[in-house]
């Protein structure tokens, strides 16, 4: 029994694999986050992280990034909770944009911040 498993492992251990085919999108996203947490860059761009991870996983990841002093910019459709963010940059057609700070998980309107 043990010898067969050992031989089987040895035969596949040196095989090059395409992780895009081996890991699910969720697993690939988590591996990418793990690499970022190990590397501890100054900042990271998170593109549509909500497409593959749930809200609890995202909250844990953002807390882990903050704990390691890694700034993050999350690019998405605005469908996430605002608890872990400092501001929202809303990009519109024609190059228009609006920067809105967040306080207590709520977007502060310009009239309130003036």
PDB file of N, CA and C in Angstrom:
ATOM      1  N   UNK A   1       0.812  -1.196   0.000  1.00  0.00           N
ATOM      2  CA  UNK A   1       0.000   0.000   0.000  1.00  0.00           C
ATOM      3  C   UNK A   1       0.844   1.243   0.000  1.00  0.00           C
ATOM      4  N   UNK A   2       1.747   1.422   1.008  1.00  0.00           N
ATOM      5  CA  UNK A   2       2.528   2.643   1.114  1.00  0.00           C
ATOM      6  C   UNK A   2       3.482   2.827  -0.050  1.00  0.00           C
ATOM      7  N   UNK A   3       4.027   1.737  -0.544  1.00  0.00           N
ATOM      8  CA  UNK A   3       4.970   1.816  -1.653  1.00  0.00           C
ATOM      9  C   UNK A   3       4.280   2.326  -2.915  1.00  0.00           C
ATOM     10  N   UNK A   4       3.077   1.886  -3.183  1.00  0.00           N
ATOM     11  CA  UNK A   4       2.343   2.302  -4.359  1.00  0.00           C
ATOM     12  C   UNK A   4       2.069   3.810  -4.304  1.00  0.00           C
ATOM     13  N   UNK A   5       1.667   4.320  -3.152  1.00  0.00           N
ATOM     14  CA  UNK A   5       1.393   5.742  -3.004  1.00  0.00           C
ATOM     15  C   UNK A   5       2.675   6.543  -3.192  1.00  0.00           C
ATOM     16  N   UNK A   6       3.769   6.045  -2.649  1.00  0.00           N
ATOM     17  CA  UNK A   6       5.044   6.732  -2.771  1.00  0.00           C
ATOM     18  C   UNK A   6       5.481   6.806  -4.228  1.00  0.00           C
ATOM     19  N   UNK A   7       5.346   5.711  -4.936  1.00  0.00           N
ATOM     20  CA  UNK A   7       5.708   5.681  -6.351  1.00  0.00           C
ATOM     21  C   UNK A   7       4.807   6.622  -7.132  1.00  0.00           C
ATOM     22  N   UNK A   8       3.519   6.603  -6.853  1.00  0.00           N
ATOM     23  CA  UNK A   8       2.565   7.466  -7.545  1.00  0.00           C
ATOM     24  C   UNK A   8       2.913   8.932  -7.300  1.00  0.00           C
ATOM     25  N   UNK A   9       3.257   9.289  -6.067  1.00  0.00           N
ATOM     26  CA  UNK A   9       3.635  10.664  -5.753  1.00  0.00           C
ATOM     27  C   UNK A   9       4.912  11.052  -6.478  1.00  0.00           C
ATOM     28  N   UNK A  10       5.890  10.178  -6.478  1.00  0.00           N
ATOM     29  CA  UNK A  10       7.154  10.475  -7.135  1.00  0.00           C
ATOM     30  C   UNK A  10       6.964  10.675  -8.627  1.00  0.00           C
ATOM     31  N   UNK A  11       6.040   9.954  -9.208  1.00  0.00           N
ATOM     32  CA  UNK A  11       5.806  10.096 -10.640  1.00  0.00           C
ATOM     33  C   UNK A  11       5.157  11.438 -10.973  1.00  0.00           C
ATOM     34  N   UNK A  12       4.375  11.985 -10.066  1.00  0.00           N
ATOM     35  CA  UNK A  12       3.668  13.239 -10.364  1.00  0.00           C
ATOM     36  C   UNK A  12       4.320  14.461  -9.748  1.00  0.00           C
ATOM     37  N   UNK A  13       5.248  14.289  -8.828  1.00  0.00           N
ATOM     38  CA  UNK A  13       5.839  15.428  -8.129  1.00  0.00           C
ATOM     39  C   UNK A  13       6.645  16.323  -9.065  1.00  0.00           C
ATOM     40  N   UNK A  14       7.259  15.748 -10.075  1.00  0.00           N
ATOM     41  CA  UNK A  14       8.090  16.527 -10.989  1.00  0.00           C
ATOM     42  C   UNK A  14       7.345  16.998 -12.237  1.00  0.00           C
ATOM     43  N   UNK A  15       6.055  16.711 -12.295  1.00  0.00           N
ATOM     44  CA  UNK A  15       5.263  17.090 -13.461  1.00  0.00           C
ATOM     45  C   UNK A  15       4.907  18.573 -13.362  1.00  0.00           C
ATOM     46  N   UNK A  16       5.177  19.306 -14.432  1.00  0.00           N
ATOM     47  CA  UNK A  16       4.824  20.714 -14.474  1.00  0.00           C
ATOM     48  C   UNK A  16       3.322  20.815 -14.704  1.00  0.00           C
ATOM     49  N   UNK A  17       2.664  21.702 -13.957  1.00  0.00           N
ATOM     50  CA  UNK A  17       1.211  21.827 -14.070  1.00  0.00           C
ATOM     51  C   UNK A  17       0.822  23.265 -14.356  1.00  0.00           C
ATOM     52  N   UNK A  18      -0.261  23.427 -15.053  1.00  0.00           N
ATOM     53  CA  UNK A  18      -0.847  24.738 -15.287  1.00  0.00           C
ATOM     54  C   UNK A  18      -1.855  24.978 -14.164  1.00  0.00           C
ATOM     55  N   UNK A  19      -1.513  25.868 -13.229  1.00  0.00           N
ATOM     56  CA  UNK A  19      -2.368  26.086 -12.067  1.00  0.00           C
ATOM     57  C   UNK A  19      -3.734  26.634 -12.448  1.00  0.00           C
ATOM     58  N   UNK A  20      -3.855  27.275 -13.609  1.00  0.00           N
ATOM     59  CA  UNK A  20      -5.161  27.747 -14.059  1.00  0.00           C
ATOM     60  C   UNK A  20      -6.112  26.585 -14.318  1.00  0.00           C
ATOM     61  N   UNK A  21      -5.564  25.444 -14.703  1.00  0.00           N
ATOM     62  CA  UNK A  21      -6.380  24.258 -14.934  1.00  0.00           C
ATOM     63  C   UNK A  21      -6.564  23.433 -13.669  1.00  0.00           C
ATOM     64  N   UNK A  22      -5.634  23.529 -12.743  1.00  0.00           N
ATOM     65  CA  UNK A  22      -5.636  22.703 -11.542  1.00  0.00           C
ATOM     66  C   UNK A  22      -6.452  23.318 -10.407  1.00  0.00           C
ATOM     67  N   UNK A  23      -6.309  24.639 -10.203  1.00  0.00           N
ATOM     68  CA  UNK A  23      -6.983  25.318  -9.101  1.00  0.00           C
ATOM     69  C   UNK A  23      -8.244  26.036  -9.589  1.00  0.00           C
ATOM     70  N   UNK A  24      -9.247  26.090  -8.733  1.00  0.00           N
ATOM     71  CA  UNK A  24     -10.458  26.844  -9.057  1.00  0.00           C
ATOM     72  C   UNK A  24     -10.126  28.341  -9.030  1.00  0.00           C
ATOM     73  N   UNK A  25     -11.019  29.177  -9.546  1.00  0.00           N
ATOM     74  CA  UNK A  25     -10.784  30.624  -9.511  1.00  0.00           C
ATOM     75  C   UNK A  25     -10.650  31.118  -8.077  1.00  0.00           C
ATOM     76  N   UNK A  26     -11.466  30.587  -7.181  1.00  0.00           N
ATOM     77  CA  UNK A  26     -11.384  30.968  -5.764  1.00  0.00           C
ATOM     78  C   UNK A  26     -10.020  30.615  -5.194  1.00  0.00           C
ATOM     79  N   UNK A  27      -9.553  29.392  -5.472  1.00  0.00           N
ATOM     80  CA  UNK A  27      -8.241  28.957  -4.980  1.00  0.00           C
ATOM     81  C   UNK A  27      -7.122  29.804  -5.585  1.00  0.00           C
ATOM     82  N   UNK A  28      -7.242  30.153  -6.856  1.00  0.00           N
ATOM     83  CA  UNK A  28      -6.240  31.017  -7.490  1.00  0.00           C
ATOM     84  C   UNK A  28      -6.218  32.386  -6.823  1.00  0.00           C
ATOM     85  N   UNK A  29      -7.403  32.935  -6.522  1.00  0.00           N
ATOM     86  CA  UNK A  29      -7.473  34.237  -5.847  1.00  0.00           C
ATOM     87  C   UNK A  29      -6.819  34.162  -4.472  1.00  0.00           C
ATOM     88  N   UNK A  30      -7.096  33.104  -3.733  1.00  0.00           N
ATOM     89  CA  UNK A  30      -6.503  32.951  -2.398  1.00  0.00           C
ATOM     90  C   UNK A  30      -4.984  32.784  -2.482  1.00  0.00           C
ATOM     91  N   UNK A  31      -4.492  32.077  -3.486  1.00  0.00           N
ATOM     92  CA  UNK A  31      -3.040  31.934  -3.676  1.00  0.00           C
ATOM     93  C   UNK A  31      -2.408  33.293  -3.982  1.00  0.00           C
ATOM     94  N   UNK A  32      -3.074  34.087  -4.804  1.00  0.00           N
ATOM     95  CA  UNK A  32      -2.569  35.427  -5.122  1.00  0.00           C
ATOM     96  C   UNK A  32      -2.508  36.290  -3.866  1.00  0.00           C
ATOM     97  N   UNK A  33      -3.543  36.219  -3.053  1.00  0.00           N
ATOM     98  CA  UNK A  33      -3.567  36.988  -1.803  1.00  0.00           C
ATOM     99  C   UNK A  33      -2.459  36.503  -0.880  1.00  0.00           C
ATOM    100  N   UNK A  34      -2.252  35.194  -0.806  1.00  0.00           N
ATOM    101  CA  UNK A  34      -1.178  34.647   0.044  1.00  0.00           C
ATOM    102  C   UNK A  34       0.178  35.192  -0.404  1.00  0.00           C
ATOM    103  N   UNK A  35       0.402  35.251  -1.712  1.00  0.00           N
ATOM    104  CA  UNK A  35       1.669  35.802  -2.226  1.00  0.00           C
ATOM    105  C   UNK A  35       1.835  37.262  -1.821  1.00  0.00           C
ATOM    106  N   UNK A  36       0.753  38.020  -1.903  1.00  0.00           N
ATOM    107  CA  UNK A  36       0.801  39.439  -1.514  1.00  0.00           C
ATOM    108  C   UNK A  36       1.112  39.562  -0.023  1.00  0.00           C
ATOM    109  N   UNK A  37       0.454  38.757   0.800  1.00  0.00           N
ATOM    110  CA  UNK A  37       0.685  38.832   2.248  1.00  0.00           C
ATOM    111  C   UNK A  37       2.125  38.479   2.604  1.00  0.00           C
ATOM    112  N   UNK A  38       2.704  37.535   1.880  1.00  0.00           N
ATOM    113  CA  UNK A  38       4.104  37.159   2.128  1.00  0.00           C
ATOM    114  C   UNK A  38       5.048  38.256   1.651  1.00  0.00           C
ATOM    115  N   UNK A  39       4.775  38.824   0.481  1.00  0.00           N
ATOM    116  CA  UNK A  39       5.662  39.838  -0.109  1.00  0.00           C
ATOM    117  C   UNK A  39       5.561  41.196   0.594  1.00  0.00           C
ATOM    118  N   UNK A  40       4.421  41.489   1.186  1.00  0.00           N
ATOM    119  CA  UNK A  40       4.184  42.765   1.883  1.00  0.00           C
ATOM    120  C   UNK A  40       4.559  43.997   1.056  1.00  0.00           C
ATOM    121  N   UNK A  41       3.937  44.155  -0.110  1.00  0.00           N
ATOM    122  CA  UNK A  41       4.226  45.360  -0.899  1.00  0.00           C
ATOM    123  C   UNK A  41       3.636  46.591  -0.209  1.00  0.00           C
ATOM    124  N   UNK A  42       3.961  47.770  -0.699  1.00  0.00           N
ATOM    125  CA  UNK A  42       3.408  49.003  -0.113  1.00  0.00           C
ATOM    126  C   UNK A  42       1.926  49.134  -0.417  1.00  0.00           C
ATOM    127  N   UNK A  43       1.509  48.670  -1.623  1.00  0.00           N
ATOM    128  CA  UNK A  43       0.094  48.703  -1.982  1.00  0.00           C
ATOM    129  C   UNK A  43      -0.215  47.573  -2.951  1.00  0.00           C
ATOM    130  N   UNK A  44      -1.505  47.281  -3.083  1.00  0.00           N
ATOM    131  CA  UNK A  44      -1.961  46.228  -3.989  1.00  0.00           C
ATOM    132  C   UNK A  44      -3.281  46.660  -4.621  1.00  0.00           C
ATOM    133  N   UNK A  45      -3.468  46.286  -5.880  1.00  0.00           N
ATOM    134  CA  UNK A  45      -4.738  46.509  -6.576  1.00  0.00           C
ATOM    135  C   UNK A  45      -5.529  45.205  -6.534  1.00  0.00           C
ATOM    136  N   UNK A  46      -6.762  45.285  -6.079  1.00  0.00           N
ATOM    137  CA  UNK A  46      -7.629  44.112  -6.007  1.00  0.00           C
ATOM    138  C   UNK A  46      -8.745  44.301  -7.026  1.00  0.00           C
ATOM    139  N   UNK A  47      -8.712  43.553  -8.103  1.00  0.00           N
ATOM    140  CA  UNK A  47      -9.696  43.717  -9.169  1.00  0.00           C
ATOM    141  C   UNK A  47     -10.834  42.721  -9.018  1.00  0.00           C
ATOM    142  N   UNK A  48     -12.014  43.244  -8.797  1.00  0.00           N
ATOM    143  CA  UNK A  48     -13.251  42.447  -8.707  1.00  0.00           C
ATOM    144  C   UNK A  48     -13.085  41.225  -7.805  1.00  0.00           C
ATOM    145  N   UNK A  49     -12.541  41.460  -6.644  1.00  0.00           N
ATOM    146  CA  UNK A  49     -12.290  40.374  -5.692  1.00  0.00           C
ATOM    147  C   UNK A  49     -13.596  39.709  -5.247  1.00  0.00           C
ATOM    148  N   UNK A  50     -14.688  40.460  -5.304  1.00  0.00           N
ATOM    149  CA  UNK A  50     -15.991  39.920  -4.916  1.00  0.00           C
ATOM    150  C   UNK A  50     -16.564  38.917  -5.895  1.00  0.00           C
ATOM    151  N   UNK A  51     -15.956  38.794  -7.080  1.00  0.00           N
ATOM    152  CA  UNK A  51     -16.442  37.807  -8.052  1.00  0.00           C
ATOM    153  C   UNK A  51     -16.091  36.386  -7.654  1.00  0.00           C
ATOM    154  N   UNK A  52     -15.021  36.216  -6.868  1.00  0.00           N
ATOM    155  CA  UNK A  52     -14.580  34.861  -6.524  1.00  0.00           C
ATOM    156  C   UNK A  52     -14.601  34.576  -5.026  1.00  0.00           C
ATOM    157  N   UNK A  53     -14.620  35.618  -4.199  1.00  0.00           N
ATOM    158  CA  UNK A  53     -14.587  35.427  -2.748  1.00  0.00           C
ATOM    159  C   UNK A  53     -15.818  36.038  -2.109  1.00  0.00           C
ATOM    160  N   UNK A  54     -16.253  35.467  -0.991  1.00  0.00           N
ATOM    161  CA  UNK A  54     -17.437  36.006  -0.323  1.00  0.00           C
ATOM    162  C   UNK A  54     -17.067  37.159   0.606  1.00  0.00           C
ATOM    163  N   UNK A  55     -18.059  37.833   1.123  1.00  0.00           N
ATOM    164  CA  UNK A  55     -17.858  39.042   1.925  1.00  0.00           C
ATOM    165  C   UNK A  55     -17.005  38.778   3.166  1.00  0.00           C
ATOM    166  N   UNK A  56     -17.206  37.653   3.838  1.00  0.00           N
ATOM    167  CA  UNK A  56     -16.401  37.338   5.030  1.00  0.00           C
ATOM    168  C   UNK A  56     -14.935  37.124   4.679  1.00  0.00           C
ATOM    169  N   UNK A  57     -14.681  36.428   3.572  1.00  0.00           N
ATOM    170  CA  UNK A  57     -13.296  36.201   3.136  1.00  0.00           C
ATOM    171  C   UNK A  57     -12.633  37.529   2.774  1.00  0.00           C
ATOM    172  N   UNK A  58     -13.372  38.380   2.079  1.00  0.00           N
ATOM    173  CA  UNK A  58     -12.829  39.682   1.692  1.00  0.00           C
ATOM    174  C   UNK A  58     -12.506  40.516   2.928  1.00  0.00           C
ATOM    175  N   UNK A  59     -13.383  40.530   3.900  1.00  0.00           N
ATOM    176  CA  UNK A  59     -13.149  41.284   5.136  1.00  0.00           C
ATOM    177  C   UNK A  59     -11.889  40.789   5.843  1.00  0.00           C
ATOM    178  N   UNK A  60     -11.700  39.476   5.911  1.00  0.00           N
ATOM    179  CA  UNK A  60     -10.502  38.911   6.543  1.00  0.00           C
ATOM    180  C   UNK A  60      -9.243  39.311   5.775  1.00  0.00           C
ATOM    181  N   UNK A  61      -9.317  39.271   4.458  1.00  0.00           N
ATOM    182  CA  UNK A  61      -8.169  39.639   3.626  1.00  0.00           C
ATOM    183  C   UNK A  61      -7.817  41.111   3.824  1.00  0.00           C
ATOM    184  N   UNK A  62      -8.815  41.979   3.821  1.00  0.00           N
ATOM    185  CA  UNK A  62      -8.560  43.409   3.987  1.00  0.00           C
ATOM    186  C   UNK A  62      -7.992  43.711   5.369  1.00  0.00           C
ATOM    187  N   UNK A  63      -8.472  43.005   6.388  1.00  0.00           N
ATOM    188  CA  UNK A  63      -7.901  43.177   7.740  1.00  0.00           C
ATOM    189  C   UNK A  63      -6.447  42.716   7.765  1.00  0.00           C
ATOM    190  N   UNK A  64      -6.158  41.598   7.089  1.00  0.00           N
ATOM    191  CA  UNK A  64      -4.781  41.084   7.047  1.00  0.00           C
ATOM    192  C   UNK A  64      -3.865  42.057   6.311  1.00  0.00           C
ATOM    193  N   UNK A  65      -4.350  42.648   5.227  1.00  0.00           N
ATOM    194  CA  UNK A  65      -3.548  43.638   4.499  1.00  0.00           C
ATOM    195  C   UNK A  65      -3.276  44.852   5.385  1.00  0.00           C
ATOM    196  N   UNK A  66      -4.318  45.342   6.052  1.00  0.00           N
ATOM    197  CA  UNK A  66      -4.155  46.503   6.938  1.00  0.00           C
ATOM    198  C   UNK A  66      -3.189  46.210   8.078  1.00  0.00           C
ATOM    199  N   UNK A  67      -3.282  45.009   8.643  1.00  0.00           N
ATOM    200  CA  UNK A  67      -2.400  44.631   9.751  1.00  0.00           C
ATOM    201  C   UNK A  67      -0.933  44.601   9.310  1.00  0.00           C
ATOM    202  N   UNK A  68      -0.700  44.402   8.024  1.00  0.00           N
ATOM    203  CA  UNK A  68       0.666  44.365   7.486  1.00  0.00           C
ATOM    204  C   UNK A  68       1.057  45.684   6.815  1.00  0.00           C
ATOM    205  N   UNK A  69       0.234  46.709   7.044  1.00  0.00           N
ATOM    206  CA  UNK A  69       0.477  48.040   6.470  1.00  0.00           C
ATOM    207  C   UNK A  69       0.565  48.032   4.950  1.00  0.00           C
ATOM    208  N   UNK A  70      -0.263  47.202   4.326  1.00  0.00           N
ATOM    209  CA  UNK A  70      -0.350  47.157   2.871  1.00  0.00           C
ATOM    210  C   UNK A  70      -1.600  47.944   2.462  1.00  0.00           C
ATOM    211  N   UNK A  71      -1.394  49.054   1.759  1.00  0.00           N
ATOM    212  CA  UNK A  71      -2.526  49.838   1.266  1.00  0.00           C
ATOM    213  C   UNK A  71      -3.171  49.075   0.111  1.00  0.00           C
ATOM    214  N   UNK A  72      -4.474  49.213  -0.032  1.00  0.00           N
ATOM    215  CA  UNK A  72      -5.153  48.506  -1.112  1.00  0.00           C
ATOM    216  C   UNK A  72      -6.170  49.401  -1.797  1.00  0.00           C
ATOM    217  N   UNK A  73      -6.307  49.153  -3.101  1.00  0.00           N
ATOM    218  CA  UNK A  73      -7.323  49.787  -3.927  1.00  0.00           C
ATOM    219  C   UNK A  73      -8.146  48.647  -4.501  1.00  0.00           C
ATOM    220  N   UNK A  74      -9.436  48.635  -4.183  1.00  0.00           N
ATOM    221  CA  UNK A  74     -10.317  47.587  -4.684  1.00  0.00           C
ATOM    222  C   UNK A  74     -11.115  48.136  -5.865  1.00  0.00           C
ATOM    223  N   UNK A  75     -11.010  47.455  -6.981  1.00  0.00           N
ATOM    224  CA  UNK A  75     -11.728  47.847  -8.185  1.00  0.00           C
ATOM    225  C   UNK A  75     -12.912  46.909  -8.321  1.00  0.00           C
ATOM    226  N   UNK A  76     -14.114  47.491  -8.397  1.00  0.00           N
ATOM    227  CA  UNK A  76     -15.296  46.646  -8.493  1.00  0.00           C
ATOM    228  C   UNK A  76     -16.527  47.437  -8.852  1.00  0.00           C
ATOM    229  N   UNK A  77     -17.652  46.807  -8.636  1.00  0.00           N
ATOM    230  CA  UNK A  77     -18.933  47.390  -9.007  1.00  0.00           C
ATOM    231  C   UNK A  77     -19.634  48.078  -7.849  1.00  0.00           C
ATOM    232  N   UNK A  78     -18.975  48.190  -6.720  1.00  0.00           N
ATOM    233  CA  UNK A  78     -19.581  48.858  -5.573  1.00  0.00           C
ATOM    234  C   UNK A  78     -20.586  48.009  -4.833  1.00  0.00           C
ATOM    235  N   UNK A  79     -20.493  46.714  -4.981  1.00  0.00           N
ATOM    236  CA  UNK A  79     -21.450  45.822  -4.340  1.00  0.00           C
ATOM    237  C   UNK A  79     -20.946  45.265  -3.008  1.00  0.00           C
ATOM    238  N   UNK A  80     -19.823  45.795  -2.510  1.00  0.00           N
ATOM    239  CA  UNK A  80     -19.256  45.309  -1.257  1.00  0.00           C
ATOM    240  C   UNK A  80     -19.608  46.260  -0.115  1.00  0.00           C
ATOM    241  N   UNK A  81     -19.552  45.734   1.092  1.00  0.00           N
ATOM    242  CA  UNK A  81     -19.737  46.563   2.262  1.00  0.00           C
ATOM    243  C   UNK A  81     -18.589  47.559   2.353  1.00  0.00           C
ATOM    244  N   UNK A  82     -18.836  48.715   2.920  1.00  0.00           N
ATOM    245  CA  UNK A  82     -17.836  49.776   2.957  1.00  0.00           C
ATOM    246  C   UNK A  82     -17.031  49.803   4.253  1.00  0.00           C
ATOM    247  N   UNK A  83     -17.233  48.833   5.126  1.00  0.00           N
ATOM    248  CA  UNK A  83     -16.577  48.809   6.439  1.00  0.00           C
ATOM    249  C   UNK A  83     -15.059  48.943   6.375  1.00  0.00           C
ATOM    250  N   UNK A  84     -14.439  48.347   5.389  1.00  0.00           N
ATOM    251  CA  UNK A  84     -12.975  48.279   5.338  1.00  0.00           C
ATOM    252  C   UNK A  84     -12.329  49.318   4.433  1.00  0.00           C
ATOM    253  N   UNK A  85     -13.106  50.302   4.011  1.00  0.00           N
ATOM    254  CA  UNK A  85     -12.587  51.283   3.054  1.00  0.00           C
ATOM    255  C   UNK A  85     -12.593  52.690   3.639  1.00  0.00           C
ATOM    256  N   UNK A  86     -11.694  53.534   3.118  1.00  0.00           N
ATOM    257  CA  UNK A  86     -11.592  54.925   3.549  1.00  0.00           C
ATOM    258  C   UNK A  86     -12.341  55.877   2.632  1.00  0.00           C
ATOM    259  N   UNK A  87     -12.479  55.494   1.360  1.00  0.00           N
ATOM    260  CA  UNK A  87     -13.116  56.370   0.387  1.00  0.00           C
ATOM    261  C   UNK A  87     -13.578  55.568  -0.818  1.00  0.00           C
ATOM    262  N   UNK A  88     -14.448  56.210  -1.622  1.00  0.00           N
ATOM    263  CA  UNK A  88     -14.920  55.629  -2.866  1.00  0.00           C
ATOM    264  C   UNK A  88     -14.574  56.594  -3.992  1.00  0.00           C
ATOM    265  N   UNK A  89     -13.976  56.068  -5.043  1.00  0.00           N
ATOM    266  CA  UNK A  89     -13.716  56.840  -6.253  1.00  0.00           C
ATOM    267  C   UNK A  89     -14.658  56.293  -7.312  1.00  0.00           C
ATOM    268  N   UNK A  90     -15.651  57.109  -7.683  1.00  0.00           N
ATOM    269  CA  UNK A  90     -16.657  56.702  -8.648  1.00  0.00           C
ATOM    270  C   UNK A  90     -16.285  57.278 -10.009  1.00  0.00           C
ATOM    271  N   UNK A  91     -15.972  56.395 -10.968  1.00  0.00           N
ATOM    272  CA  UNK A  91     -15.582  56.814 -12.316  1.00  0.00           C
ATOM    273  C   UNK A  91     -16.797  56.739 -13.228  1.00  0.00           C
ATOM    274  N   UNK A  92     -17.026  57.819 -13.993  1.00  0.00           N
ATOM    275  CA  UNK A  92     -18.179  57.894 -14.882  1.00  0.00           C
ATOM    276  C   UNK A  92     -17.728  58.091 -16.317  1.00  0.00           C
ATOM    277  N   UNK A  93     -18.682  58.011 -17.217  1.00  0.00           N
ATOM    278  CA  UNK A  93     -18.401  58.208 -18.639  1.00  0.00           C
ATOM    279  C   UNK A  93     -17.853  59.611 -18.877  1.00  0.00           C
ATOM    280  N   UNK A  94     -17.076  59.749 -19.922  1.00  0.00           N
ATOM    281  CA  UNK A  94     -16.543  61.055 -20.296  1.00  0.00           C
ATOM    282  C   UNK A  94     -15.422  61.544 -19.406  1.00  0.00           C
ATOM    283  N   UNK A  95     -14.839  60.638 -18.616  1.00  0.00           N
ATOM    284  CA  UNK A  95     -13.724  61.030 -17.764  1.00  0.00           C
ATOM    285  C   UNK A  95     -14.138  61.707 -16.463  1.00  0.00           C
ATOM    286  N   UNK A  96     -15.415  61.755 -16.173  1.00  0.00           N
ATOM    287  CA  UNK A  96     -15.886  62.365 -14.917  1.00  0.00           C
ATOM    288  C   UNK A  96     -15.646  61.405 -13.758  1.00  0.00           C
ATOM    289  N   UNK A  97     -15.411  61.969 -12.581  1.00  0.00           N
ATOM    290  CA  UNK A  97     -15.177  61.152 -11.396  1.00  0.00           C
ATOM    291  C   UNK A  97     -15.621  61.904 -10.150  1.00  0.00           C
ATOM    292  N   UNK A  98     -15.850  61.150  -9.076  1.00  0.00           N
ATOM    293  CA  UNK A  98     -16.228  61.736  -7.790  1.00  0.00           C
ATOM    294  C   UNK A  98     -15.541  60.952  -6.679  1.00  0.00           C
ATOM    295  N   UNK A  99     -14.865  61.678  -5.790  1.00  0.00           N
ATOM    296  CA  UNK A  99     -14.180  61.103  -4.627  1.00  0.00           C
ATOM    297  C   UNK A  99     -15.065  61.357  -3.417  1.00  0.00           C
ATOM    298  N   UNK A 100     -15.438  60.297  -2.704  1.00  0.00           N
ATOM    299  CA  UNK A 100     -16.292  60.436  -1.528  1.00  0.00           C
ATOM    300  C   UNK A 100     -15.664  59.709  -0.355  1.00  0.00           C
ATOM    301  N   UNK A 101     -15.373  60.411   0.727  1.00  0.00           N
ATOM    302  CA  UNK A 101     -14.842  59.739   1.917  1.00  0.00           C
ATOM    303  C   UNK A 101     -15.912  58.848   2.560  1.00  0.00           C
ATOM    304  N   UNK A 102     -15.450  57.899   3.343  1.00  0.00           N
ATOM    305  CA  UNK A 102     -16.350  56.994   4.059  1.00  0.00           C
ATOM    306  C   UNK A 102     -16.135  57.180   5.551  1.00  0.00           C
ATOM    307  N   UNK A 103     -17.225  57.315   6.266  1.00  0.00           N
ATOM    308  CA  UNK A 103     -17.183  57.364   7.738  1.00  0.00           C
ATOM    309  C   UNK A 103     -18.274  56.449   8.274  1.00  0.00           C
ATOM    310  N   UNK A 104     -17.924  55.616   9.225  1.00  0.00           N
ATOM    311  CA  UNK A 104     -18.877  54.682   9.827  1.00  0.00           C
ATOM    312  C   UNK A 104     -19.595  53.838   8.771  1.00  0.00           C
ATOM    313  N   UNK A 105     -18.830  53.357   7.802  1.00  0.00           N
ATOM    314  CA  UNK A 105     -19.321  52.482   6.731  1.00  0.00           C
ATOM    315  C   UNK A 105     -20.367  53.156   5.841  1.00  0.00           C
ATOM    316  N   UNK A 106     -20.378  54.490   5.818  1.00  0.00           N
ATOM    317  CA  UNK A 106     -21.309  55.247   4.983  1.00  0.00           C
ATOM    318  C   UNK A 106     -20.538  56.256   4.141  1.00  0.00           C
ATOM    319  N   UNK A 107     -20.977  56.446   2.902  1.00  0.00           N
ATOM    320  CA  UNK A 107     -20.367  57.448   2.048  1.00  0.00           C
ATOM    321  C   UNK A 107     -20.791  58.832   2.539  1.00  0.00           C
ATOM    322  N   UNK A 108     -19.808  59.695   2.718  1.00  0.00           N
ATOM    323  CA  UNK A 108     -20.074  61.071   3.160  1.00  0.00           C
ATOM    324  C   UNK A 108     -20.275  61.907   1.910  1.00  0.00           C
ATOM    325  N   UNK A 109     -21.442  62.515   1.783  1.00  0.00           N
ATOM    326  CA  UNK A 109     -21.723  63.368   0.622  1.00  0.00           C
ATOM    327  C   UNK A 109     -20.889  64.638   0.706  1.00  0.00           C
ATOM    328  N   UNK A 110     -20.624  65.230  -0.444  1.00  0.00           N
ATOM    329  CA  UNK A 110     -19.778  66.425  -0.488  1.00  0.00           C
ATOM    330  C   UNK A 110     -20.310  67.514   0.431  1.00  0.00           C
ATOM    331  N   UNK A 111     -21.615  67.684   0.501  1.00  0.00           N
ATOM    332  CA  UNK A 111     -22.170  68.735   1.351  1.00  0.00           C
ATOM    333  C   UNK A 111     -21.833  68.515   2.817  1.00  0.00           C
ATOM    334  N   UNK A 112     -21.696  67.241   3.216  1.00  0.00           N
ATOM    335  CA  UNK A 112     -21.342  66.939   4.598  1.00  0.00           C
ATOM    336  C   UNK A 112     -19.865  67.134   4.876  1.00  0.00           C
ATOM    337  N   UNK A 113     -19.029  66.928   3.878  1.00  0.00           N
ATOM    338  CA  UNK A 113     -17.587  67.003   4.101  1.00  0.00           C
ATOM    339  C   UNK A 113     -17.043  68.412   3.940  1.00  0.00           C
ATOM    340  N   UNK A 114     -17.849  69.333   3.425  1.00  0.00           N
ATOM    341  CA  UNK A 114     -17.383  70.708   3.209  1.00  0.00           C
ATOM    342  C   UNK A 114     -17.359  71.504   4.479  1.00  0.00           C
TER     343      UNK A 114
END
